[in-house]
């Protein structure tokens, strides 16, 4: 199975957490759709079927890779 790079997983988790807050505060269809999209991406990236398993797997993979918390992807 292909595994996502730990920094990609870190970015996906941060997006998920931000969108969860936005959806809770906003509740708009756009916020809900973005949350669903990032949830799907996290699940596919970790080979899981639900968000709890995806988050657990992503965090575990990041720990194994020893990704510094202040390390960021640049575009």
N, C-alpha and C. Protein backbone atom coordinates (compact mmCIF):
# COMPACT_ATOMS: atom_id res chain seq x y z
N UNK A 1 0.84 -1.19 0.00
CA UNK A 1 0.00 0.00 0.00
C UNK A 1 0.88 1.24 0.00
N UNK A 2 0.53 2.21 -0.81
CA UNK A 2 1.23 3.48 -0.81
C UNK A 2 0.89 4.24 0.47
N UNK A 3 1.88 4.95 0.97
CA UNK A 3 1.65 5.73 2.19
C UNK A 3 1.92 7.20 1.90
N UNK A 4 1.05 8.05 2.37
CA UNK A 4 1.22 9.48 2.19
C UNK A 4 2.41 9.96 3.00
N UNK A 5 3.07 10.98 2.50
CA UNK A 5 4.20 11.57 3.22
C UNK A 5 3.68 12.16 4.53
N UNK A 6 4.43 12.00 5.60
CA UNK A 6 3.98 12.51 6.90
C UNK A 6 3.63 14.00 6.90
N UNK A 7 4.32 14.80 6.12
CA UNK A 7 3.99 16.22 6.08
C UNK A 7 2.66 16.48 5.39
N UNK A 8 2.32 15.65 4.42
CA UNK A 8 1.01 15.74 3.78
C UNK A 8 -0.06 15.39 4.80
N UNK A 9 0.18 14.34 5.58
CA UNK A 9 -0.78 13.95 6.61
C UNK A 9 -0.95 15.05 7.65
N UNK A 10 0.15 15.68 8.03
CA UNK A 10 0.09 16.78 9.00
C UNK A 10 -0.79 17.90 8.46
N UNK A 11 -0.60 18.23 7.20
CA UNK A 11 -1.39 19.28 6.57
C UNK A 11 -2.87 18.89 6.50
N UNK A 12 -3.15 17.65 6.17
CA UNK A 12 -4.54 17.20 6.09
C UNK A 12 -5.22 17.24 7.46
N UNK A 13 -4.51 16.84 8.49
CA UNK A 13 -5.07 16.89 9.85
C UNK A 13 -5.37 18.33 10.24
N UNK A 14 -4.44 19.24 9.95
CA UNK A 14 -4.67 20.64 10.29
C UNK A 14 -5.88 21.20 9.54
N UNK A 15 -6.01 20.85 8.26
CA UNK A 15 -7.17 21.29 7.49
C UNK A 15 -8.46 20.72 8.07
N UNK A 16 -8.44 19.45 8.42
CA UNK A 16 -9.62 18.80 8.99
C UNK A 16 -10.05 19.51 10.28
N UNK A 17 -9.09 19.76 11.16
CA UNK A 17 -9.42 20.40 12.44
C UNK A 17 -9.97 21.81 12.23
N UNK A 18 -9.39 22.55 11.30
CA UNK A 18 -9.87 23.89 10.99
C UNK A 18 -11.28 23.86 10.41
N UNK A 19 -11.49 22.93 9.47
CA UNK A 19 -12.81 22.82 8.84
C UNK A 19 -13.88 22.34 9.82
N UNK A 20 -13.49 21.52 10.77
CA UNK A 20 -14.44 21.07 11.79
C UNK A 20 -14.95 22.26 12.59
N UNK A 21 -14.05 23.15 12.96
CA UNK A 21 -14.43 24.36 13.70
C UNK A 21 -15.29 25.26 12.83
N UNK A 22 -14.87 25.46 11.57
CA UNK A 22 -15.63 26.30 10.65
C UNK A 22 -17.04 25.76 10.45
N UNK A 23 -17.15 24.46 10.27
CA UNK A 23 -18.47 23.86 10.08
C UNK A 23 -19.34 24.02 11.33
N UNK A 24 -18.75 23.86 12.50
CA UNK A 24 -19.50 24.02 13.75
C UNK A 24 -19.99 25.46 13.91
N UNK A 25 -19.15 26.42 13.51
CA UNK A 25 -19.52 27.82 13.67
C UNK A 25 -20.44 28.31 12.55
N UNK A 26 -20.15 27.88 11.34
CA UNK A 26 -20.83 28.38 10.15
C UNK A 26 -22.03 27.52 9.76
N UNK A 27 -21.78 26.22 9.62
CA UNK A 27 -22.83 25.29 9.25
C UNK A 27 -23.32 25.42 7.82
N UNK A 28 -22.59 26.17 7.00
CA UNK A 28 -23.03 26.36 5.61
C UNK A 28 -22.81 25.10 4.79
N UNK A 29 -23.53 24.97 3.69
CA UNK A 29 -23.32 23.81 2.80
C UNK A 29 -21.88 23.74 2.28
N UNK A 30 -21.27 24.89 2.05
CA UNK A 30 -19.89 24.91 1.56
C UNK A 30 -18.92 24.37 2.61
N UNK A 31 -19.11 24.77 3.85
CA UNK A 31 -18.25 24.28 4.93
C UNK A 31 -18.44 22.78 5.12
N UNK A 32 -19.67 22.32 5.04
CA UNK A 32 -19.96 20.88 5.17
C UNK A 32 -19.29 20.10 4.05
N UNK A 33 -19.39 20.61 2.82
CA UNK A 33 -18.79 19.92 1.68
C UNK A 33 -17.27 19.87 1.79
N UNK A 34 -16.67 20.96 2.20
CA UNK A 34 -15.21 20.98 2.37
C UNK A 34 -14.78 20.00 3.45
N UNK A 35 -15.55 19.92 4.53
CA UNK A 35 -15.25 18.97 5.60
C UNK A 35 -15.38 17.53 5.09
N UNK A 36 -16.43 17.26 4.32
CA UNK A 36 -16.59 15.92 3.75
C UNK A 36 -15.44 15.58 2.80
N UNK A 37 -15.01 16.56 2.01
CA UNK A 37 -13.91 16.32 1.07
C UNK A 37 -12.61 16.00 1.79
N UNK A 38 -12.29 16.75 2.82
CA UNK A 38 -11.03 16.51 3.53
C UNK A 38 -11.11 15.22 4.33
N UNK A 39 -12.29 14.88 4.82
CA UNK A 39 -12.48 13.60 5.51
C UNK A 39 -12.21 12.46 4.55
N UNK A 40 -12.76 12.54 3.36
CA UNK A 40 -12.54 11.51 2.33
C UNK A 40 -11.05 11.41 2.00
N UNK A 41 -10.39 12.54 1.81
CA UNK A 41 -8.97 12.55 1.46
C UNK A 41 -8.13 11.92 2.57
N UNK A 42 -8.44 12.23 3.81
CA UNK A 42 -7.71 11.63 4.93
C UNK A 42 -7.91 10.12 4.96
N UNK A 43 -9.12 9.67 4.73
CA UNK A 43 -9.40 8.23 4.73
C UNK A 43 -8.65 7.53 3.60
N UNK A 44 -8.68 8.09 2.41
CA UNK A 44 -7.98 7.50 1.28
C UNK A 44 -6.47 7.51 1.54
N UNK A 45 -5.96 8.60 2.07
CA UNK A 45 -4.52 8.74 2.32
C UNK A 45 -4.00 7.76 3.36
N UNK A 46 -4.87 7.30 4.23
CA UNK A 46 -4.45 6.40 5.30
C UNK A 46 -4.96 4.97 5.12
N UNK A 47 -5.75 4.75 4.06
CA UNK A 47 -6.28 3.41 3.81
C UNK A 47 -7.32 2.98 4.83
N UNK A 48 -8.08 3.93 5.34
CA UNK A 48 -9.10 3.65 6.35
C UNK A 48 -10.47 4.00 5.80
N UNK A 49 -11.51 3.70 6.60
CA UNK A 49 -12.88 3.94 6.14
C UNK A 49 -13.65 4.94 6.99
N UNK A 50 -13.09 5.37 8.11
CA UNK A 50 -13.79 6.37 8.92
C UNK A 50 -12.77 7.35 9.48
N UNK A 51 -13.25 8.52 9.83
CA UNK A 51 -12.35 9.61 10.20
C UNK A 51 -11.58 9.32 11.48
N UNK A 52 -12.17 8.65 12.44
CA UNK A 52 -11.44 8.36 13.67
C UNK A 52 -10.23 7.47 13.39
N UNK A 53 -10.44 6.44 12.58
CA UNK A 53 -9.33 5.56 12.20
C UNK A 53 -8.31 6.31 11.36
N UNK A 54 -8.77 7.18 10.49
CA UNK A 54 -7.87 7.95 9.64
C UNK A 54 -6.98 8.87 10.48
N UNK A 55 -7.56 9.55 11.43
CA UNK A 55 -6.78 10.45 12.28
C UNK A 55 -5.77 9.67 13.13
N UNK A 56 -6.20 8.55 13.67
CA UNK A 56 -5.30 7.72 14.48
C UNK A 56 -4.14 7.21 13.63
N UNK A 57 -4.45 6.70 12.45
CA UNK A 57 -3.42 6.17 11.56
C UNK A 57 -2.47 7.27 11.11
N UNK A 58 -3.00 8.42 10.74
CA UNK A 58 -2.15 9.53 10.28
C UNK A 58 -1.21 9.98 11.39
N UNK A 59 -1.73 10.12 12.59
CA UNK A 59 -0.88 10.56 13.71
C UNK A 59 0.19 9.52 14.02
N UNK A 60 -0.16 8.26 13.95
CA UNK A 60 0.80 7.19 14.19
C UNK A 60 1.92 7.22 13.14
N UNK A 61 1.55 7.41 11.89
CA UNK A 61 2.54 7.47 10.82
C UNK A 61 3.46 8.69 11.00
N UNK A 62 2.89 9.80 11.43
CA UNK A 62 3.70 10.99 11.66
C UNK A 62 4.68 10.77 12.82
N UNK A 63 4.22 10.11 13.88
CA UNK A 63 5.10 9.83 15.01
C UNK A 63 6.27 8.93 14.60
N UNK A 64 5.96 7.89 13.81
CA UNK A 64 7.01 6.99 13.35
C UNK A 64 8.04 7.70 12.49
N UNK A 65 7.58 8.70 11.74
CA UNK A 65 8.48 9.44 10.86
C UNK A 65 9.21 10.54 11.61
N UNK A 66 8.78 10.81 12.84
CA UNK A 66 9.41 11.84 13.68
C UNK A 66 9.43 13.19 12.98
N UNK A 67 8.24 13.65 12.56
CA UNK A 67 8.11 14.93 11.89
C UNK A 67 8.09 16.05 12.93
N UNK A 68 9.02 17.01 12.82
CA UNK A 68 9.00 18.13 13.75
C UNK A 68 7.69 18.92 13.64
N UNK A 69 7.15 19.36 14.75
CA UNK A 69 5.86 20.04 14.73
C UNK A 69 5.93 21.39 14.02
N UNK A 70 7.12 21.99 13.93
CA UNK A 70 7.24 23.29 13.28
C UNK A 70 7.67 23.18 11.82
N UNK A 71 7.77 21.96 11.31
CA UNK A 71 8.16 21.74 9.93
C UNK A 71 6.94 21.96 9.05
N UNK A 72 7.08 22.70 7.98
CA UNK A 72 5.94 23.03 7.13
C UNK A 72 6.23 22.72 5.67
N UNK A 73 5.17 22.42 4.95
CA UNK A 73 5.27 22.27 3.51
C UNK A 73 5.27 23.66 2.89
N UNK A 74 6.05 23.84 1.86
CA UNK A 74 6.04 25.12 1.15
C UNK A 74 5.67 24.87 -0.29
N UNK A 75 4.99 25.84 -0.87
CA UNK A 75 4.50 25.65 -2.21
C UNK A 75 5.20 26.47 -3.23
